[in-house]
C-alpha atoms as a PDB file:
ATOM      1  CA  MET A   1      -3.255  16.519  10.216  1.00  0.00           C
ATOM      2  CA  ALA A   2      -2.245  13.989  11.964  1.00  0.00           C
ATOM      3  CA  ASP A   3      -3.808  10.746  12.788  1.00  0.00           C
ATOM      4  CA  GLY A   4      -0.190   8.301  13.710  1.00  0.00           C
ATOM      5  CA  ILE A   5      -1.413   4.289  14.440  1.00  0.00           C
ATOM      6  CA  GLU A   6      -0.201   2.231  17.029  1.00  0.00           C
ATOM      7  CA  PHE A   7      -1.178  -1.520  17.242  1.00  0.00           C
ATOM      8  CA  ARG A   8      -0.724  -2.470  21.128  1.00  0.00           C
ATOM      9  CA  ALA A   9       0.339  -5.905  21.752  1.00  0.00           C
ATOM     10  CA  VAL A  10      -2.296  -7.031  18.881  1.00  0.00           C
ATOM     11  CA  GLY A  11      -3.231 -10.555  18.606  1.00  0.00           C
ATOM     12  CA  LYS A  12      -5.712 -12.116  16.288  1.00  0.00           C
ATOM     13  CA  ARG A  13      -7.316 -15.805  16.432  1.00  0.00           C
ATOM     14  CA  PHE A  14     -10.168 -17.002  14.376  1.00  0.00           C
ATOM     15  CA  PRO A  15     -12.726 -18.847  15.152  1.00  0.00           C
ATOM     16  CA  GLY A  16     -11.630 -22.626  14.726  1.00  0.00           C
ATOM     17  CA  GLY A  17      -8.515 -21.170  13.136  1.00  0.00           C
ATOM     18  CA  ALA A  18      -5.368 -21.060  13.955  1.00  0.00           C
ATOM     19  CA  GLN A  19      -2.983 -17.596  14.935  1.00  0.00           C
ATOM     20  CA  ALA A  20      -2.873 -15.237  12.023  1.00  0.00           C
ATOM     21  CA  VAL A  21      -1.537 -12.272  14.905  1.00  0.00           C
ATOM     22  CA  ARG A  22       0.447 -12.399  17.665  1.00  0.00           C
ATOM     23  CA  ASP A  23       1.897  -9.886  19.804  1.00  0.00           C
ATOM     24  CA  PHE A  24       1.808  -7.511  17.372  1.00  0.00           C
ATOM     25  CA  SER A  25       3.425  -3.559  18.019  1.00  0.00           C
ATOM     26  CA  LEU A  26       3.761  -1.078  15.544  1.00  0.00           C
ATOM     27  CA  THR A  27       3.747   2.894  15.303  1.00  0.00           C
ATOM     28  CA  ILE A  28       2.346   4.166  12.106  1.00  0.00           C
ATOM     29  CA  PRO A  29       3.886   7.924  11.570  1.00  0.00           C
ATOM     30  CA  ALA A  30       1.357  10.303   9.940  1.00  0.00           C
ATOM     31  CA  GLN A  31       1.603  11.856   6.872  1.00  0.00           C
ATOM     32  CA  GLN A  32       4.087   8.907   5.622  1.00  0.00           C
ATOM     33  CA  THR A  33       3.551   5.788   3.531  1.00  0.00           C
ATOM     34  CA  THR A  34       4.158   2.174   5.732  1.00  0.00           C
ATOM     35  CA  VAL A  35       4.371  -0.996   3.736  1.00  0.00           C
ATOM     36  CA  LEU A  36       3.768  -3.828   5.375  1.00  0.00           C
ATOM     37  CA  VAL A  37       5.203  -6.416   3.111  1.00  0.00           C
ATOM     38  CA  GLY A  38       5.603 -10.336   3.396  1.00  0.00           C
ATOM     39  CA  SER A  39       4.166 -13.948   1.983  1.00  0.00           C
ATOM     40  CA  SER A  40       0.510 -14.915   2.140  1.00  0.00           C
ATOM     41  CA  GLY A  41      -0.186 -15.741   5.288  1.00  0.00           C
ATOM     42  CA  SER A  42       1.778 -13.558   7.114  1.00  0.00           C
ATOM     43  CA  GLY A  43      -1.363 -11.509   8.358  1.00  0.00           C
ATOM     44  CA  LYS A  44      -0.723  -8.449   6.942  1.00  0.00           C
ATOM     45  CA  THR A  45      -4.147  -8.389   4.874  1.00  0.00           C
ATOM     46  CA  THR A  46      -5.616  -9.211   8.777  1.00  0.00           C
ATOM     47  CA  LEU A  47      -3.592  -5.859  10.073  1.00  0.00           C
ATOM     48  CA  LEU A  48      -4.729  -3.539   7.634  1.00  0.00           C
ATOM     49  CA  ARG A  49      -8.283  -4.355   8.377  1.00  0.00           C
ATOM     50  CA  MET A  50      -8.068  -4.480  11.788  1.00  0.00           C
ATOM     51  CA  ILE A  51      -7.576  -0.390  11.349  1.00  0.00           C
ATOM     52  CA  ASN A  52     -11.169   0.078  10.161  1.00  0.00           C
ATOM     53  CA  ARG A  53     -12.402  -2.482  12.376  1.00  0.00           C
ATOM     54  CA  MET A  54     -13.459  -4.886   9.419  1.00  0.00           C
ATOM     55  CA  VAL A  55     -11.732  -7.533  11.577  1.00  0.00           C
ATOM     56  CA  GLU A  56     -11.311  -7.127  15.377  1.00  0.00           C
ATOM     57  CA  PRO A  57      -8.624  -8.594  16.975  1.00  0.00           C
ATOM     58  CA  THR A  58      -8.714 -10.984  19.670  1.00  0.00           C
ATOM     59  CA  SER A  59      -6.508  -9.341  22.279  1.00  0.00           C
ATOM     60  CA  GLY A  60      -4.697  -5.695  22.438  1.00  0.00           C
ATOM     61  CA  ALA A  61      -5.326  -2.554  21.281  1.00  0.00           C
ATOM     62  CA  ILE A  62      -4.856  -0.438  18.136  1.00  0.00           C
ATOM     63  CA  LEU A  63      -5.529   3.492  19.080  1.00  0.00           C
ATOM     64  CA  ILE A  64      -5.550   6.652  16.124  1.00  0.00           C
ATOM     65  CA  ASP A  65      -3.965   9.957  17.963  1.00  0.00           C
ATOM     66  CA  ASP A  66      -4.244   7.956  20.996  1.00  0.00           C
ATOM     67  CA  VAL A  67      -7.262   7.432  21.030  1.00  0.00           C
ATOM     68  CA  ASP A  68      -8.765   3.444  21.151  1.00  0.00           C
ATOM     69  CA  ILE A  69     -10.551   2.749  17.866  1.00  0.00           C
ATOM     70  CA  ARG A  70     -13.081   0.866  20.121  1.00  0.00           C
ATOM     71  CA  ALA A  71     -13.874   4.103  21.077  1.00  0.00           C
ATOM     72  CA  ARG A  72     -15.742   4.666  17.524  1.00  0.00           C
ATOM     73  CA  SER A  73     -18.742   3.257  16.347  1.00  0.00           C
ATOM     74  CA  ALA A  74     -17.109   0.576  13.381  1.00  0.00           C
ATOM     75  CA  VAL A  75     -19.436   2.610  10.565  1.00  0.00           C
ATOM     76  CA  ALA A  76     -18.152   6.048  11.779  1.00  0.00           C
ATOM     77  CA  LEU A  77     -14.712   4.602  11.775  1.00  0.00           C
ATOM     78  CA  ARG A  78     -15.119   3.279   8.259  1.00  0.00           C
ATOM     79  CA  ARG A  79     -16.128   6.480   6.462  1.00  0.00           C
ATOM     80  CA  SER A  80     -13.219   8.329   8.225  1.00  0.00           C
ATOM     81  CA  ILE A  81     -10.795   5.913   6.510  1.00  0.00           C
ATOM     82  CA  GLY A  82      -9.968   5.982   2.813  1.00  0.00           C
ATOM     83  CA  TYR A  83     -10.205   2.053   1.881  1.00  0.00           C
ATOM     84  CA  VAL A  84      -8.466   0.454  -1.248  1.00  0.00           C
ATOM     85  CA  MET A  85      -8.426  -3.046  -2.718  1.00  0.00           C
ATOM     86  CA  GLN A  86      -7.585  -5.538  -5.251  1.00  0.00           C
ATOM     87  CA  ASN A  87     -10.022  -5.345  -8.617  1.00  0.00           C
ATOM     88  CA  SER A  88     -10.899  -1.949  -7.637  1.00  0.00           C
ATOM     89  CA  GLY A  89     -14.136  -3.243  -5.639  1.00  0.00           C
ATOM     90  CA  LEU A  90     -16.059  -0.924  -7.552  1.00  0.00           C
ATOM     91  CA  LEU A  91     -20.769  -1.096  -7.275  1.00  0.00           C
ATOM     92  CA  PRO A  92     -20.909  -1.900 -10.970  1.00  0.00           C
ATOM     93  CA  HIS A  93     -24.382  -0.733 -10.995  1.00  0.00           C
ATOM     94  CA  LEU A  94     -23.123   2.941 -10.092  1.00  0.00           C
ATOM     95  CA  THR A  95     -21.149   5.212 -13.228  1.00  0.00           C
ATOM     96  CA  VAL A  96     -17.373   6.142 -12.328  1.00  0.00           C
ATOM     97  CA  GLN A  97     -18.456   9.394 -10.707  1.00  0.00           C
ATOM     98  CA  ASP A  98     -21.122   8.068  -8.141  1.00  0.00           C
ATOM     99  CA  ASN A  99     -18.159   5.191  -7.496  1.00  0.00           C
ATOM    100  CA  ILE A 100     -15.985   8.194  -6.139  1.00  0.00           C
ATOM    101  CA  ALA A 101     -19.189   9.758  -4.390  1.00  0.00           C
ATOM    102  CA  THR A 102     -20.608   7.001  -2.593  1.00  0.00           C
ATOM    103  CA  VAL A 103     -18.806   7.857   0.394  1.00  0.00           C
ATOM    104  CA  PRO A 104     -19.127  11.893   0.611  1.00  0.00           C
ATOM    105  CA  VAL A 105     -22.931  10.973  -0.307  1.00  0.00           C
ATOM    106  CA  LEU A 106     -23.286   8.550   3.062  1.00  0.00           C
ATOM    107  CA  THR A 107     -22.352  11.433   5.548  1.00  0.00           C
ATOM    108  CA  GLY A 108     -24.758  13.826   3.806  1.00  0.00           C
ATOM    109  CA  THR A 109     -22.860  15.869   1.411  1.00  0.00           C
ATOM    110  CA  PRO A 110     -25.446  17.076  -1.742  1.00  0.00           C
ATOM    111  CA  ARG A 111     -25.237  14.340  -4.569  1.00  0.00           C
ATOM    112  CA  ARG A 112     -24.988  17.617  -6.700  1.00  0.00           C
ATOM    113  CA  ALA A 113     -21.713  18.411  -4.859  1.00  0.00           C
ATOM    114  CA  ALA A 114     -20.389  14.653  -4.061  1.00  0.00           C
ATOM    115  CA  ARG A 115     -20.219  14.515  -8.342  1.00  0.00           C
ATOM    116  CA  SER A 116     -18.579  17.653  -8.852  1.00  0.00           C
ATOM    117  CA  GLN A 117     -15.660  17.091  -6.117  1.00  0.00           C
ATOM    118  CA  ALA A 118     -15.494  13.146  -7.731  1.00  0.00           C
ATOM    119  CA  ARG A 119     -14.300  14.897 -11.330  1.00  0.00           C
ATOM    120  CA  GLU A 120     -12.093  16.787  -9.201  1.00  0.00           C
ATOM    121  CA  LEU A 121     -10.834  14.017  -7.994  1.00  0.00           C
ATOM    122  CA  MET A 122     -10.398  12.120 -11.193  1.00  0.00           C
ATOM    123  CA  HIS A 123      -8.095  14.665 -12.266  1.00  0.00           C
ATOM    124  CA  THR A 124      -5.990  14.028  -9.046  1.00  0.00           C
ATOM    125  CA  VAL A 125      -5.488  10.414  -9.831  1.00  0.00           C
ATOM    126  CA  GLY A 126      -5.021  10.825 -13.586  1.00  0.00           C
ATOM    127  CA  LEU A 127      -8.693  10.079 -15.207  1.00  0.00           C
ATOM    128  CA  ASP A 128     -10.084  11.877 -17.820  1.00  0.00           C
ATOM    129  CA  GLU A 129     -13.201  13.786 -16.964  1.00  0.00           C
ATOM    130  CA  ALA A 130     -15.364  11.964 -19.907  1.00  0.00           C
ATOM    131  CA  LEU A 131     -14.841   8.775 -18.338  1.00  0.00           C
ATOM    132  CA  ALA A 132     -17.272  10.146 -15.461  1.00  0.00           C
ATOM    133  CA  THR A 133     -20.797   8.476 -16.529  1.00  0.00           C
ATOM    134  CA  ARG A 134     -18.974   5.729 -18.204  1.00  0.00           C
ATOM    135  CA  TYR A 135     -19.384   2.027 -15.714  1.00  0.00           C
ATOM    136  CA  PRO A 136     -16.984  -0.133 -14.443  1.00  0.00           C
ATOM    137  CA  ASN A 137     -17.183  -2.413 -17.050  1.00  0.00           C
ATOM    138  CA  GLN A 138     -16.618  -0.120 -19.588  1.00  0.00           C
ATOM    139  CA  LEU A 139     -13.196   0.890 -17.739  1.00  0.00           C
ATOM    140  CA  SER A 140      -9.708  -1.327 -18.763  1.00  0.00           C
ATOM    141  CA  GLY A 141      -8.270  -2.845 -15.192  1.00  0.00           C
ATOM    142  CA  GLY A 142      -5.716   0.446 -14.435  1.00  0.00           C
ATOM    143  CA  GLN A 143      -8.701   2.640 -14.557  1.00  0.00           C
ATOM    144  CA  GLN A 144     -11.015   0.555 -12.392  1.00  0.00           C
ATOM    145  CA  GLN A 145      -8.112   0.913 -10.214  1.00  0.00           C
ATOM    146  CA  ARG A 146      -7.999   5.021 -10.654  1.00  0.00           C
ATOM    147  CA  VAL A 147     -11.368   4.886  -9.364  1.00  0.00           C
ATOM    148  CA  GLY A 148     -10.507   2.590  -7.011  1.00  0.00           C
ATOM    149  CA  VAL A 149      -8.114   5.265  -5.358  1.00  0.00           C
ATOM    150  CA  ALA A 150      -9.853   8.106  -6.328  1.00  0.00           C
ATOM    151  CA  ARG A 151     -12.666   6.528  -3.942  1.00  0.00           C
ATOM    152  CA  GLY A 152     -10.257   6.128  -1.256  1.00  0.00           C
ATOM    153  CA  LEU A 153      -9.810   9.681  -1.016  1.00  0.00           C
ATOM    154  CA  ALA A 154     -13.201  11.395  -1.767  1.00  0.00           C
ATOM    155  CA  ALA A 155     -13.931  11.846   1.544  1.00  0.00           C
ATOM    156  CA  ASP A 156     -10.849  13.708   2.277  1.00  0.00           C
ATOM    157  CA  PRO A 157      -9.455  10.742   5.199  1.00  0.00           C
ATOM    158  CA  ASN A 158      -6.502  11.140   7.249  1.00  0.00           C
ATOM    159  CA  ILE A 159      -5.963   7.546   6.487  1.00  0.00           C
ATOM    160  CA  LEU A 160      -5.252   5.634   3.288  1.00  0.00           C
ATOM    161  CA  LEU A 161      -5.866   1.936   3.516  1.00  0.00           C
ATOM    162  CA  MET A 162      -4.559  -0.040   0.399  1.00  0.00           C
ATOM    163  CA  ASP A 163      -4.994  -3.903   0.419  1.00  0.00           C
ATOM    164  CA  GLU A 164      -2.681  -4.815  -2.705  1.00  0.00           C
ATOM    165  CA  PRO A 165      -4.572  -2.171  -4.744  1.00  0.00           C
ATOM    166  CA  PHE A 166      -1.796  -3.108  -7.822  1.00  0.00           C
ATOM    167  CA  GLY A 167      -1.709  -6.894  -7.757  1.00  0.00           C
ATOM    168  CA  ALA A 168      -3.983  -7.064 -10.449  1.00  0.00           C
ATOM    169  CA  VAL A 169      -3.147  -5.337 -13.254  1.00  0.00           C
ATOM    170  CA  ASP A 170      -0.098  -6.110 -16.360  1.00  0.00           C
ATOM    171  CA  PRO A 171       3.596  -4.404 -15.465  1.00  0.00           C
ATOM    172  CA  ILE A 172       3.540  -1.696 -17.387  1.00  0.00           C
ATOM    173  CA  VAL A 173       0.157  -0.117 -15.611  1.00  0.00           C
ATOM    174  CA  ARG A 174       1.056  -1.429 -12.390  1.00  0.00           C
ATOM    175  CA  ASP A 175       4.629   0.965 -12.592  1.00  0.00           C
ATOM    176  CA  GLU A 176       1.906   3.836 -13.622  1.00  0.00           C
ATOM    177  CA  LEU A 177      -0.299   3.344 -10.751  1.00  0.00           C
ATOM    178  CA  GLN A 178       2.960   3.550  -8.500  1.00  0.00           C
ATOM    179  CA  GLN A 179       3.942   6.313  -9.702  1.00  0.00           C
ATOM    180  CA  GLU A 180       1.050   7.986  -9.582  1.00  0.00           C
ATOM    181  CA  LEU A 181       0.386   7.116  -5.799  1.00  0.00           C
ATOM    182  CA  LEU A 182       3.838   8.685  -5.782  1.00  0.00           C
ATOM    183  CA  ARG A 183       3.024  11.276  -7.072  1.00  0.00           C
ATOM    184  CA  ILE A 184      -0.070  12.236  -5.259  1.00  0.00           C
ATOM    185  CA  GLN A 185       1.356  11.525  -2.213  1.00  0.00           C
ATOM    186  CA  ARG A 186       3.436  14.148  -2.285  1.00  0.00           C
ATOM    187  CA  GLU A 187       0.709  16.792  -3.028  1.00  0.00           C
ATOM    188  CA  VAL A 188      -1.890  15.515   0.064  1.00  0.00           C
ATOM    189  CA  CYS A 189       0.607  13.833   2.474  1.00  0.00           C
ATOM    190  CA  LYS A 190      -1.905  11.200   4.019  1.00  0.00           C
ATOM    191  CA  THR A 191      -0.730   8.253   6.422  1.00  0.00           C
ATOM    192  CA  ILE A 192      -0.721   5.306   4.408  1.00  0.00           C
ATOM    193  CA  VAL A 193      -0.918   1.904   5.052  1.00  0.00           C
ATOM    194  CA  PHE A 194      -0.156   0.055   2.125  1.00  0.00           C
ATOM    195  CA  VAL A 195       0.066  -3.957   1.849  1.00  0.00           C
ATOM    196  CA  THR A 196       1.979  -6.170  -0.643  1.00  0.00           C
ATOM    197  CA  HIS A 197       3.605  -9.318  -1.179  1.00  0.00           C
ATOM    198  CA  ASP A 198       6.391  -8.197  -3.655  1.00  0.00           C
ATOM    199  CA  ILE A 199       9.201  -6.088  -1.960  1.00  0.00           C
ATOM    200  CA  ASP A 200      10.321  -3.892  -4.342  1.00  0.00           C
ATOM    201  CA  GLU A 201       7.067  -2.124  -4.453  1.00  0.00           C
ATOM    202  CA  ALA A 202       7.529  -1.921  -0.682  1.00  0.00           C
ATOM    203  CA  PHE A 203      10.960  -0.051  -1.338  1.00  0.00           C
ATOM    204  CA  LEU A 204       9.685   1.957  -3.933  1.00  0.00           C
ATOM    205  CA  LEU A 205       6.704   2.741  -1.433  1.00  0.00           C
ATOM    206  CA  GLY A 206       7.507   3.070   1.765  1.00  0.00           C
ATOM    207  CA  ASP A 207       8.718   5.603   3.914  1.00  0.00           C
ATOM    208  CA  GLN A 208       8.891   2.564   6.522  1.00  0.00           C
ATOM    209  CA  VAL A 209       8.748  -0.940   5.549  1.00  0.00           C
ATOM    210  CA  VAL A 210       7.548  -3.625   7.423  1.00  0.00           C
ATOM    211  CA  ILE A 211       8.842  -7.171   6.893  1.00  0.00           C
ATOM    212  CA  LEU A 212       6.812  -9.878   8.103  1.00  0.00           C
ATOM    213  CA  GLU A 213       7.069 -13.309   8.824  1.00  0.00           C
ATOM    214  CA  GLU A 214       4.219 -16.286  10.040  1.00  0.00           C
ATOM    215  CA  GLN A 215       1.836 -14.892  12.487  1.00  0.00           C
ATOM    216  CA  ALA A 216       3.087 -11.203  11.745  1.00  0.00           C
ATOM    217  CA  GLN A 217       6.253 -11.341  13.927  1.00  0.00           C
ATOM    218  CA  ILE A 218       8.083  -8.522  12.291  1.00  0.00           C
ATOM    219  CA  ALA A 219      11.150  -9.813  10.732  1.00  0.00           C
ATOM    220  CA  GLN A 220      12.481  -5.855  10.075  1.00  0.00           C
ATOM    221  CA  ARG A 221      11.754  -2.505  10.108  1.00  0.00           C
ATOM    222  CA  GLY A 222      13.365   0.304   8.702  1.00  0.00           C
ATOM    223  CA  THR A 223      13.516   2.933   5.608  1.00  0.00           C
ATOM    224  CA  PRO A 224      14.474   0.931   2.200  1.00  0.00           C
ATOM    225  CA  ASP A 225      17.760   1.665   2.498  1.00  0.00           C
ATOM    226  CA  GLU A 226      18.506   0.431   6.223  1.00  0.00           C
ATOM    227  CA  ILE A 227      16.964  -2.554   5.401  1.00  0.00           C
ATOM    228  CA  ILE A 228      18.982  -3.262   2.085  1.00  0.00           C
ATOM    229  CA  GLU A 229      22.008  -1.920   3.362  1.00  0.00           C
ATOM    230  CA  ALA A 230      21.518  -4.499   6.794  1.00  0.00           C
ATOM    231  CA  PRO A 231      19.646  -6.994   6.750  1.00  0.00           C
ATOM    232  CA  ALA A 232      18.441  -8.565  10.245  1.00  0.00           C
ATOM    233  CA  SER A 233      18.290 -11.772   9.374  1.00  0.00           C
ATOM    234  CA  ASP A 234      19.168 -14.780   6.660  1.00  0.00           C
ATOM    235  CA  PHE A 235      15.271 -15.250   5.899  1.00  0.00           C
ATOM    236  CA  VAL A 236      15.314 -10.614   5.642  1.00  0.00           C
ATOM    237  CA  SER A 237      18.407 -11.512   3.138  1.00  0.00           C
ATOM    238  CA  SER A 238      16.293 -13.798   1.546  1.00  0.00           C
ATOM    239  CA  PHE A 239      13.613 -11.914   1.193  1.00  0.00           C
ATOM    240  CA  ILE A 240      14.577  -8.800  -0.407  1.00  0.00           C
ATOM    241  CA  GLY A 241      17.120 -10.950  -2.750  1.00  0.00           C
ATOM    242  CA  ALA A 242      20.489  -9.931  -1.483  1.00  0.00           C
ATOM    243  CA  VAL A 243      21.785 -12.951  -1.147  1.00  0.00           C
ATOM    244  CA  HIS A 244      21.237 -14.830  -4.479  1.00  0.00           C
ATOM    245  CA  GLY A 245      18.649 -12.001  -6.284  1.00  0.00           C
ATOM    246  CA  ARG A 246      18.843  -9.064  -7.829  1.00  0.00           C
ATOM    247  CA  ARG A 247      20.037  -6.926  -4.836  1.00  0.00           C
ATOM    248  CA  ALA A 248      23.913  -9.410  -4.895  1.00  0.00           C
ATOM    249  CA  LEU A 249      25.445  -7.093  -6.964  1.00  0.00           C
ATOM    250  CA  SER A 250      29.366  -7.709  -8.257  1.00  0.00           C
ATOM    251  CA  LEU A 251      31.305  -6.188 -11.406  1.00  0.00           C
ATOM    252  CA  ARG A 252      32.132  -8.572 -13.569  1.00  0.00           C
ATOM    253  CA  GLU A 253      34.737  -7.359 -17.113  1.00  0.00           C
ATOM    254  CA  THR A 254      33.365  -8.174 -20.194  1.00  0.00           C
ATOM    255  CA  PRO A 255      35.271  -6.857 -23.468  1.00  0.00           C
ATOM    256  CA  HIS A 256      32.803  -3.805 -23.505  1.00  0.00           C
ATOM    257  CA  GLY A 257      34.414  -2.636 -20.725  1.00  0.00           C
ATOM    258  CA  THR A 258      33.748  -3.238 -16.828  1.00  0.00           C
ATOM    259  CA  VAL A 259      29.763  -3.865 -15.813  1.00  0.00           C
ATOM    260  CA  VAL A 260      27.269  -4.554 -12.866  1.00  0.00           C
ATOM    261  CA  VAL A 261      25.526  -7.493 -12.257  1.00  0.00           C
ATOM    262  CA  ASP A 262      23.132  -9.521  -9.820  1.00  0.00           C
ATOM    263  CA  GLY A 263      22.813 -12.886  -8.576  1.00  0.00           C
ATOM    264  CA  ARG A 264      22.008 -14.941 -10.747  1.00  0.00           C
ATOM    265  CA  GLY A 265      24.285 -13.245 -13.435  1.00  0.00           C
ATOM    266  CA  ARG A 266      22.174 -11.199 -15.627  1.00  0.00           C
ATOM    267  CA  THR A 267      23.606  -7.692 -16.409  1.00  0.00           C
ATOM    268  CA  GLN A 268      21.798  -4.595 -14.672  1.00  0.00           C
ATOM    269  CA  GLY A 269      24.065  -1.721 -15.279  1.00  0.00           C
ATOM    270  CA  SER A 270      27.316  -0.411 -16.415  1.00  0.00           C
ATOM    271  CA  LEU A 271      30.264   1.555 -15.208  1.00  0.00           C
ATOM    272  CA  VAL A 272      30.921   5.053 -16.875  1.00  0.00           C
ATOM    273  CA  ASP A 273      33.788   6.722 -15.151  1.00  0.00           C
ATOM    274  CA  ASP A 274      33.662   4.174 -12.567  1.00  0.00           C
ATOM    275  CA  GLN A 275      30.462   4.656 -11.959  1.00  0.00           C
ATOM    276  CA  PRO A 276      27.681   2.813 -11.749  1.00  0.00           C
ATOM    277  CA  VAL A 277      24.909   3.375 -14.571  1.00  0.00           C
ATOM    278  CA  ALA A 278      21.952   1.412 -14.880  1.00  0.00           C
ATOM    279  CA  MET A 279      20.743   0.133 -18.317  1.00  0.00           C
END
C-alpha cells in the first residue's frame, strides 16, 4: 500500500471569482497524516476536494503514485478514496449500517457482506453495534461523526480525506474523536489529508502540518515540533500563538513555587524538581 499524493504547480480560479489556489506544490507522504491548516478562504478545502476531483484544477496536475488523477474517471476515483466531512453528511433515510455500507454496495459487494463489514467497522470507530439499525437523527453529533469516519473507511481506501470532520461537535466530544482518529491511524496506516482551521488540532493529529495563507500559499510546512521551534515568519508565529498566545511560555515565581505562564499570563503548569508539569 503506497498512495502518496503530489500537487504540481496547481491553480484554481472559479468562474467569475477570484483565484482560490495559486501555483501550489506539495508532496503528501503515504501512510501519514498531513494536515492543511489556515483561516477561512485560504483554499484548504479546495485543495482537498481537488484530490478526489470534486473540484477540477484550472492549471497544474495532481498525481497519486506518480499517475495523474485525470487518467481515471472521476466516479471511480471518488469511490476509491474515503471522504469524511463536517456534519457527517449521512443519508437520513438509511440506517447506520447501510450508510457505512454505501460505497462497498456501489462497487459490487453483496449487501449482506457489506452490512457485516459495516458492523465490524462500528467497533473500529468505537460505536456500539446496537446502533446499527438506527437512523442518523437518532444519534448524537459525536456518534454521527463516528459513522462518517466508518463510512470513509468502508471501501478500505488507501487515502482518506477529512474536511473539518470534528468542527461541529462540542469540545469534549471533539477531543474524544481526535484521540479515536489517532488510535485508528496507528492500526490502519492510511494516507490521511485532514483540513482544519484549528492549529491545536493540526499539531495533535499531523505528521506533516502545512500552514496556508491566502490563495493556498504555503507559509510553512513541517512537523509540529519543527514549526513550533522555528516559525518561518511573523505570520506563522502569530497563527500558532507563539508571540502572545498559549505557546509564548515563561516562568513566574509565586508564593507556592515556580509556575509556567502563557503569553496572556495564564498559568499552564508548575515546576517540580525544575521540570514543567501540566496543570
